[in-house]
C-alpha atoms as a PDB file:
ATOM      1  CA  MET A   1      15.016 -20.108  17.524  1.00  0.00           C
ATOM      2  CA  HIS A   2      14.696 -23.177  15.353  1.00  0.00           C
ATOM      3  CA  ILE A   3      12.450 -23.533  12.318  1.00  0.00           C
ATOM      4  CA  ASP A   4      11.440 -26.866  10.819  1.00  0.00           C
ATOM      5  CA  ILE A   5      10.275 -26.500   7.240  1.00  0.00           C
ATOM      6  CA  VAL A   6       8.046 -29.293   5.959  1.00  0.00           C
ATOM      7  CA  SER A   7       8.451 -29.116   2.214  1.00  0.00           C
ATOM      8  CA  ASP A   8       8.689 -30.903  -1.111  1.00  0.00           C
ATOM      9  CA  VAL A   9      11.194 -29.809  -3.742  1.00  0.00           C
ATOM     10  CA  ILE A  10       8.639 -30.310  -6.519  1.00  0.00           C
ATOM     11  CA  CYS A  11       6.243 -27.838  -4.865  1.00  0.00           C
ATOM     12  CA  PRO A  12       6.512 -24.356  -6.429  1.00  0.00           C
ATOM     13  CA  TRP A  13       4.904 -22.707  -3.403  1.00  0.00           C
ATOM     14  CA  CYS A  14       7.625 -24.226  -1.220  1.00  0.00           C
ATOM     15  CA  PHE A  15      10.228 -22.435  -3.363  1.00  0.00           C
ATOM     16  CA  ILE A  16       8.331 -19.177  -2.983  1.00  0.00           C
ATOM     17  CA  GLY A  17       7.861 -19.802   0.754  1.00  0.00           C
ATOM     18  CA  LYS A  18      11.586 -20.387   1.201  1.00  0.00           C
ATOM     19  CA  ARG A  19      12.382 -17.008  -0.321  1.00  0.00           C
ATOM     20  CA  ARG A  20       9.702 -15.267   1.748  1.00  0.00           C
ATOM     21  CA  LEU A  21      10.942 -16.782   4.995  1.00  0.00           C
ATOM     22  CA  ALA A  22      14.445 -15.613   4.131  1.00  0.00           C
ATOM     23  CA  ARG A  23      13.105 -12.091   3.639  1.00  0.00           C
ATOM     24  CA  ALA A  24      11.249 -12.285   6.962  1.00  0.00           C
ATOM     25  CA  ILE A  25      14.434 -13.239   8.805  1.00  0.00           C
ATOM     26  CA  GLU A  26      16.379 -10.537   6.967  1.00  0.00           C
ATOM     27  CA  GLN A  27      13.824  -7.917   8.011  1.00  0.00           C
ATOM     28  CA  ARG A  28      14.120  -8.963  11.652  1.00  0.00           C
ATOM     29  CA  PRO A  29      17.783  -8.520  12.636  1.00  0.00           C
ATOM     30  CA  ASP A  30      16.867  -9.488  16.199  1.00  0.00           C
ATOM     31  CA  VAL A  31      16.027 -13.003  14.996  1.00  0.00           C
ATOM     32  CA  SER A  32      18.665 -15.719  14.866  1.00  0.00           C
ATOM     33  CA  ALA A  33      17.209 -18.854  13.313  1.00  0.00           C
ATOM     34  CA  SER A  34      18.483 -22.310  12.495  1.00  0.00           C
ATOM     35  CA  ILE A  35      16.560 -24.341   9.934  1.00  0.00           C
ATOM     36  CA  THR A  36      15.925 -28.025   9.356  1.00  0.00           C
ATOM     37  CA  TRP A  37      14.242 -29.195   6.159  1.00  0.00           C
ATOM     38  CA  ARG A  38      11.679 -31.966   6.704  1.00  0.00           C
ATOM     39  CA  ALA A  39      10.534 -34.286   3.945  1.00  0.00           C
ATOM     40  CA  PHE A  40       7.010 -34.335   2.564  1.00  0.00           C
ATOM     41  CA  GLN A  41       5.985 -36.101  -0.637  1.00  0.00           C
ATOM     42  CA  LEU A  42       3.250 -34.477  -2.656  1.00  0.00           C
ATOM     43  CA  ASN A  43       3.087 -37.676  -4.683  1.00  0.00           C
ATOM     44  CA  PRO A  44       4.041 -40.534  -2.346  1.00  0.00           C
ATOM     45  CA  ASP A  45       2.930 -43.154  -4.888  1.00  0.00           C
ATOM     46  CA  MET A  46       4.980 -41.735  -7.737  1.00  0.00           C
ATOM     47  CA  PRO A  47       7.166 -44.424  -9.401  1.00  0.00           C
ATOM     48  CA  ASP A  48      10.908 -43.982  -8.866  1.00  0.00           C
ATOM     49  CA  GLU A  49      11.307 -43.121 -12.554  1.00  0.00           C
ATOM     50  CA  GLY A  50       8.616 -40.427 -12.381  1.00  0.00           C
ATOM     51  CA  MET A  51       6.191 -39.873 -15.230  1.00  0.00           C
ATOM     52  CA  PRO A  52       5.828 -37.648 -18.307  1.00  0.00           C
ATOM     53  CA  ARG A  53       4.763 -34.159 -17.326  1.00  0.00           C
ATOM     54  CA  GLU A  54       1.754 -34.131 -19.650  1.00  0.00           C
ATOM     55  CA  LYS A  55       0.401 -37.342 -18.145  1.00  0.00           C
ATOM     56  CA  TYR A  56       0.883 -36.021 -14.620  1.00  0.00           C
ATOM     57  CA  LEU A  57      -0.854 -32.731 -15.351  1.00  0.00           C
ATOM     58  CA  ALA A  58      -3.781 -34.473 -17.018  1.00  0.00           C
ATOM     59  CA  ALA A  59      -4.251 -36.716 -13.981  1.00  0.00           C
ATOM     60  CA  LYS A  60      -3.901 -33.863 -11.488  1.00  0.00           C
ATOM     61  CA  PHE A  61      -5.660 -30.966 -13.205  1.00  0.00           C
ATOM     62  CA  GLY A  62      -7.722 -32.542 -15.942  1.00  0.00           C
ATOM     63  CA  THR A  63      -7.256 -29.865 -18.589  1.00  0.00           C
ATOM     64  CA  GLY A  64      -4.289 -27.920 -19.848  1.00  0.00           C
ATOM     65  CA  ALA A  65      -6.200 -24.666 -19.436  1.00  0.00           C
ATOM     66  CA  HIS A  66      -6.649 -25.282 -15.708  1.00  0.00           C
ATOM     67  CA  ALA A  67      -2.959 -26.014 -15.270  1.00  0.00           C
ATOM     68  CA  GLN A  68      -2.049 -22.894 -17.245  1.00  0.00           C
ATOM     69  CA  ARG A  69      -4.152 -20.673 -14.981  1.00  0.00           C
ATOM     70  CA  ILE A  70      -2.425 -22.113 -11.924  1.00  0.00           C
ATOM     71  CA  TYR A  71       0.994 -21.674 -13.535  1.00  0.00           C
ATOM     72  CA  THR A  72       0.234 -18.047 -14.320  1.00  0.00           C
ATOM     73  CA  THR A  73      -0.574 -17.331 -10.666  1.00  0.00           C
ATOM     74  CA  ILE A  74       2.567 -19.120  -9.476  1.00  0.00           C
ATOM     75  CA  THR A  75       4.762 -17.414 -12.069  1.00  0.00           C
ATOM     76  CA  GLN A  76       3.545 -13.988 -10.973  1.00  0.00           C
ATOM     77  CA  ALA A  77       4.142 -14.797  -7.287  1.00  0.00           C
ATOM     78  CA  GLY A  78       7.570 -16.194  -8.117  1.00  0.00           C
ATOM     79  CA  ALA A  79       8.605 -13.116 -10.054  1.00  0.00           C
ATOM     80  CA  SER A  80       8.114 -11.045  -6.895  1.00  0.00           C
ATOM     81  CA  GLU A  81      10.703 -13.293  -5.194  1.00  0.00           C
ATOM     82  CA  ASN A  82      13.194 -13.251  -8.097  1.00  0.00           C
ATOM     83  CA  ILE A  83      12.213 -16.765  -9.164  1.00  0.00           C
ATOM     84  CA  SER A  84      11.983 -17.382 -12.909  1.00  0.00           C
ATOM     85  CA  PHE A  85       9.617 -20.330 -13.144  1.00  0.00           C
ATOM     86  CA  ALA A  86      10.025 -22.158 -16.460  1.00  0.00           C
ATOM     87  CA  PHE A  87       7.321 -24.797 -16.378  1.00  0.00           C
ATOM     88  CA  ASP A  88       7.637 -25.319 -20.126  1.00  0.00           C
ATOM     89  CA  ARG A  89      11.127 -26.777 -19.579  1.00  0.00           C
ATOM     90  CA  ILE A  90       9.889 -29.548 -17.267  1.00  0.00           C
ATOM     91  CA  ARG A  91       9.525 -32.800 -19.199  1.00  0.00           C
ATOM     92  CA  ARG A  92       9.011 -35.259 -16.349  1.00  0.00           C
ATOM     93  CA  THR A  93       7.432 -35.039 -12.905  1.00  0.00           C
ATOM     94  CA  PRO A  94       9.859 -36.944 -10.681  1.00  0.00           C
ATOM     95  CA  SER A  95       9.580 -38.894  -7.502  1.00  0.00           C
ATOM     96  CA  SER A  96      11.115 -36.634  -4.866  1.00  0.00           C
ATOM     97  CA  ARG A  97      12.356 -39.423  -2.585  1.00  0.00           C
ATOM     98  CA  ALA A  98      15.952 -39.351  -3.840  1.00  0.00           C
ATOM     99  CA  ALA A  99      16.060 -35.544  -3.653  1.00  0.00           C
ATOM    100  CA  HIS A 100      14.863 -35.692  -0.051  1.00  0.00           C
ATOM    101  CA  ARG A 101      17.587 -38.226   0.680  1.00  0.00           C
ATOM    102  CA  LEU A 102      20.139 -35.797  -0.766  1.00  0.00           C
ATOM    103  CA  ILE A 103      18.805 -33.092   1.549  1.00  0.00           C
ATOM    104  CA  ARG A 104      19.256 -35.478   4.510  1.00  0.00           C
ATOM    105  CA  TYR A 105      22.860 -36.054   3.402  1.00  0.00           C
ATOM    106  CA  ALA A 106      23.470 -32.303   3.286  1.00  0.00           C
ATOM    107  CA  THR A 107      21.755 -31.848   6.658  1.00  0.00           C
ATOM    108  CA  ARG A 108      24.208 -34.267   8.242  1.00  0.00           C
ATOM    109  CA  GLY A 109      26.975 -32.048   6.918  1.00  0.00           C
ATOM    110  CA  GLY A 110      25.485 -29.093   8.736  1.00  0.00           C
ATOM    111  CA  ASN A 111      24.153 -26.919   5.927  1.00  0.00           C
ATOM    112  CA  ALA A 112      21.360 -28.135   3.668  1.00  0.00           C
ATOM    113  CA  ASP A 113      20.125 -24.734   2.508  1.00  0.00           C
ATOM    114  CA  PRO A 114      22.392 -24.374  -0.567  1.00  0.00           C
ATOM    115  CA  VAL A 115      21.359 -27.844  -1.734  1.00  0.00           C
ATOM    116  CA  VAL A 116      17.654 -27.123  -1.229  1.00  0.00           C
ATOM    117  CA  GLU A 117      18.001 -23.857  -3.146  1.00  0.00           C
ATOM    118  CA  ALA A 118      19.885 -25.635  -5.920  1.00  0.00           C
ATOM    119  CA  LEU A 119      17.242 -28.358  -6.181  1.00  0.00           C
ATOM    120  CA  PHE A 120      14.409 -25.854  -6.443  1.00  0.00           C
ATOM    121  CA  SER A 121      16.250 -23.849  -9.075  1.00  0.00           C
ATOM    122  CA  ALA A 122      17.304 -26.913 -11.052  1.00  0.00           C
ATOM    123  CA  TYR A 123      13.754 -28.195 -11.290  1.00  0.00           C
ATOM    124  CA  PHE A 124      11.686 -25.053 -11.662  1.00  0.00           C
ATOM    125  CA  GLU A 125      14.055 -22.690 -13.477  1.00  0.00           C
ATOM    126  CA  GLN A 126      16.201 -25.112 -15.483  1.00  0.00           C
ATOM    127  CA  GLY A 127      13.783 -28.005 -16.043  1.00  0.00           C
ATOM    128  CA  ARG A 128      16.256 -30.651 -14.857  1.00  0.00           C
ATOM    129  CA  ASP A 129      15.065 -34.096 -13.760  1.00  0.00           C
ATOM    130  CA  ILE A 130      15.703 -34.093  -9.997  1.00  0.00           C
ATOM    131  CA  GLY A 131      14.470 -37.651  -9.748  1.00  0.00           C
ATOM    132  CA  HIS A 132      17.523 -38.876 -11.690  1.00  0.00           C
ATOM    133  CA  ARG A 133      20.423 -39.804  -9.427  1.00  0.00           C
ATOM    134  CA  GLY A 134      23.087 -38.620 -11.845  1.00  0.00           C
ATOM    135  CA  THR A 135      21.407 -35.221 -12.067  1.00  0.00           C
ATOM    136  CA  LEU A 136      21.208 -35.075  -8.278  1.00  0.00           C
ATOM    137  CA  SER A 137      24.938 -35.813  -8.026  1.00  0.00           C
ATOM    138  CA  ASP A 138      25.622 -32.982 -10.470  1.00  0.00           C
ATOM    139  CA  ILE A 139      23.446 -30.574  -8.483  1.00  0.00           C
ATOM    140  CA  ALA A 140      25.136 -31.596  -5.237  1.00  0.00           C
ATOM    141  CA  ALA A 141      28.575 -30.976  -6.725  1.00  0.00           C
ATOM    142  CA  GLU A 142      27.458 -27.583  -8.007  1.00  0.00           C
ATOM    143  CA  ALA A 143      26.352 -26.780  -4.438  1.00  0.00           C
ATOM    144  CA  GLY A 144      29.798 -27.675  -3.102  1.00  0.00           C
ATOM    145  CA  LEU A 145      29.305 -31.279  -1.973  1.00  0.00           C
ATOM    146  CA  PRO A 146      31.713 -34.088  -2.920  1.00  0.00           C
ATOM    147  CA  ARG A 147      30.254 -35.674  -6.032  1.00  0.00           C
ATOM    148  CA  GLY A 148      31.764 -39.100  -5.478  1.00  0.00           C
ATOM    149  CA  GLU A 149      30.434 -39.411  -1.946  1.00  0.00           C
ATOM    150  CA  VAL A 150      26.997 -38.198  -2.998  1.00  0.00           C
ATOM    151  CA  THR A 151      26.883 -40.664  -5.902  1.00  0.00           C
ATOM    152  CA  GLU A 152      27.734 -43.538  -3.553  1.00  0.00           C
ATOM    153  CA  PHE A 153      25.171 -42.323  -1.027  1.00  0.00           C
ATOM    154  CA  LEU A 154      22.384 -42.100  -3.599  1.00  0.00           C
ATOM    155  CA  ALA A 155      23.225 -45.529  -5.017  1.00  0.00           C
ATOM    156  CA  SER A 156      22.349 -47.021  -1.631  1.00  0.00           C
ATOM    157  CA  GLU A 157      19.117 -46.688   0.324  1.00  0.00           C
ATOM    158  CA  ALA A 158      20.740 -44.564   3.019  1.00  0.00           C
ATOM    159  CA  ALA A 159      18.355 -42.114   4.740  1.00  0.00           C
ATOM    160  CA  LEU A 160      15.323 -43.542   2.940  1.00  0.00           C
ATOM    161  CA  ASP A 161      13.772 -44.667   6.221  1.00  0.00           C
ATOM    162  CA  GLU A 162      14.330 -41.165   7.655  1.00  0.00           C
ATOM    163  CA  VAL A 163      12.634 -39.553   4.676  1.00  0.00           C
ATOM    164  CA  LEU A 164       9.633 -41.858   4.833  1.00  0.00           C
ATOM    165  CA  ALA A 165       9.377 -41.420   8.611  1.00  0.00           C
ATOM    166  CA  GLU A 166       9.355 -37.624   8.276  1.00  0.00           C
ATOM    167  CA  ASP A 167       6.613 -37.834   5.679  1.00  0.00           C
ATOM    168  CA  ARG A 168       4.496 -40.067   7.940  1.00  0.00           C
ATOM    169  CA  SER A 169       5.135 -37.825  10.937  1.00  0.00           C
ATOM    170  CA  ALA A 170       3.960 -34.756   9.036  1.00  0.00           C
ATOM    171  CA  ARG A 171       0.744 -36.474   8.039  1.00  0.00           C
ATOM    172  CA  ARG A 172       0.122 -37.631  11.610  1.00  0.00           C
ATOM    173  CA  LEU A 173       0.431 -33.992  12.664  1.00  0.00           C
ATOM    174  CA  GLY A 174      -2.341 -33.155  10.208  1.00  0.00           C
ATOM    175  CA  ILE A 175      -0.106 -31.580   7.580  1.00  0.00           C
ATOM    176  CA  SER A 176      -1.666 -32.229   4.198  1.00  0.00           C
ATOM    177  CA  GLY A 177      -0.145 -29.379   2.220  1.00  0.00           C
ATOM    178  CA  VAL A 178       3.203 -27.649   2.099  1.00  0.00           C
ATOM    179  CA  PRO A 179       5.105 -25.551   2.886  1.00  0.00           C
ATOM    180  CA  CYS A 180       4.546 -25.661   6.623  1.00  0.00           C
ATOM    181  CA  PHE A 181       6.847 -23.754   8.959  1.00  0.00           C
ATOM    182  CA  ILE A 182       7.113 -24.901  12.586  1.00  0.00           C
ATOM    183  CA  VAL A 183       8.859 -22.495  14.947  1.00  0.00           C
ATOM    184  CA  ASP A 184      10.478 -23.938  18.074  1.00  0.00           C
ATOM    185  CA  GLY A 185       8.276 -27.005  17.862  1.00  0.00           C
ATOM    186  CA  GLY A 186       5.202 -25.158  19.047  1.00  0.00           C
ATOM    187  CA  TYR A 187       4.092 -22.514  16.550  1.00  0.00           C
ATOM    188  CA  ALA A 188       3.187 -23.253  12.952  1.00  0.00           C
ATOM    189  CA  ILE A 189       2.203 -21.385   9.836  1.00  0.00           C
ATOM    190  CA  SER A 190       1.186 -22.994   6.545  1.00  0.00           C
ATOM    191  CA  GLY A 191       1.534 -21.739   3.015  1.00  0.00           C
ATOM    192  CA  ALA A 192       3.898 -19.389   1.201  1.00  0.00           C
ATOM    193  CA  GLN A 193       3.017 -16.438   3.416  1.00  0.00           C
ATOM    194  CA  GLU A 194       4.385 -12.919   3.030  1.00  0.00           C
ATOM    195  CA  PRO A 195       7.201 -12.023   5.466  1.00  0.00           C
ATOM    196  CA  GLU A 196       5.003 -10.057   7.890  1.00  0.00           C
ATOM    197  CA  PHE A 197       2.966 -13.172   8.667  1.00  0.00           C
ATOM    198  CA  PHE A 198       6.039 -14.763  10.218  1.00  0.00           C
ATOM    199  CA  PHE A 199       6.680 -11.922  12.645  1.00  0.00           C
ATOM    200  CA  PRO A 200       4.027 -12.908  15.264  1.00  0.00           C
ATOM    201  CA  LEU A 201       5.503 -16.414  15.398  1.00  0.00           C
ATOM    202  CA  PHE A 202       8.986 -14.986  15.858  1.00  0.00           C
ATOM    203  CA  ASP A 203       7.663 -12.826  18.713  1.00  0.00           C
ATOM    204  CA  LEU A 204       5.914 -15.747  20.394  1.00  0.00           C
ATOM    205  CA  ALA A 205       9.055 -17.870  20.250  1.00  0.00           C
ATOM    206  CA  GLN A 206      11.269 -15.061  21.548  1.00  0.00           C
ATOM    207  CA  ASN A 207       8.885 -14.194  24.384  1.00  0.00           C
ATOM    208  CA  LYS A 208       8.715 -17.822  25.438  1.00  0.00           C
ATOM    209  CA  ALA A 209      12.499 -18.054  25.416  1.00  0.00           C
ATOM    210  CA  VAL A 210      12.934 -15.130  27.820  1.00  0.00           C
ATOM    211  CA  GLN A 211      10.217 -16.076  30.324  1.00  0.00           C
ATOM    212  CA  PRO A 212      11.711 -16.679  33.778  1.00  0.00           C
ATOM    213  CA  VAL A 213      11.608 -20.156  35.217  1.00  0.00           C
ATOM    214  CA  GLU A 214       9.484 -20.255  38.389  1.00  0.00           C
END
């Protein structure tokens, strides 16, 4: 089966959802799944240079106390998936367009998952600015991609149209929040669900695949 994951690398629940999907697949040895990461921008109007984290939080949540309550919930959920969220290390909220372009580059190479994992970890656990092209080139190299090629790719506008088109397509489908997991193009589940919530979708996709053609 094939799973499209509509996600943004600056969404903590997408990081958690990625880990939970991996556990779901691991718990179902009968499932063989390929994955494509689809771009969604939580902040489509974010300037390319991003903005200071404090300013972003004030605009989004209003008060620091509100943000802290949300962070506590996310941190607890992340700990159950071996994610060490370090929100205090994040100094800027970036535009995620360049990071999505990097994911498209990795997808063309046939395996985007290590890059997606590295981006999530770099931002949420290490506090690195994943809107900065030099940082993205470093992360790509750490994930095994050729740094020089990635640097040249990011310096252009390659794959930008693809990223923006995926974002628009998701919104036309009614997706307003991420993560969203679409199985075989016909079954969807939203949110960072526990592994057992994926199993009915796996069953539906497998049953459809084995139905005889009349």
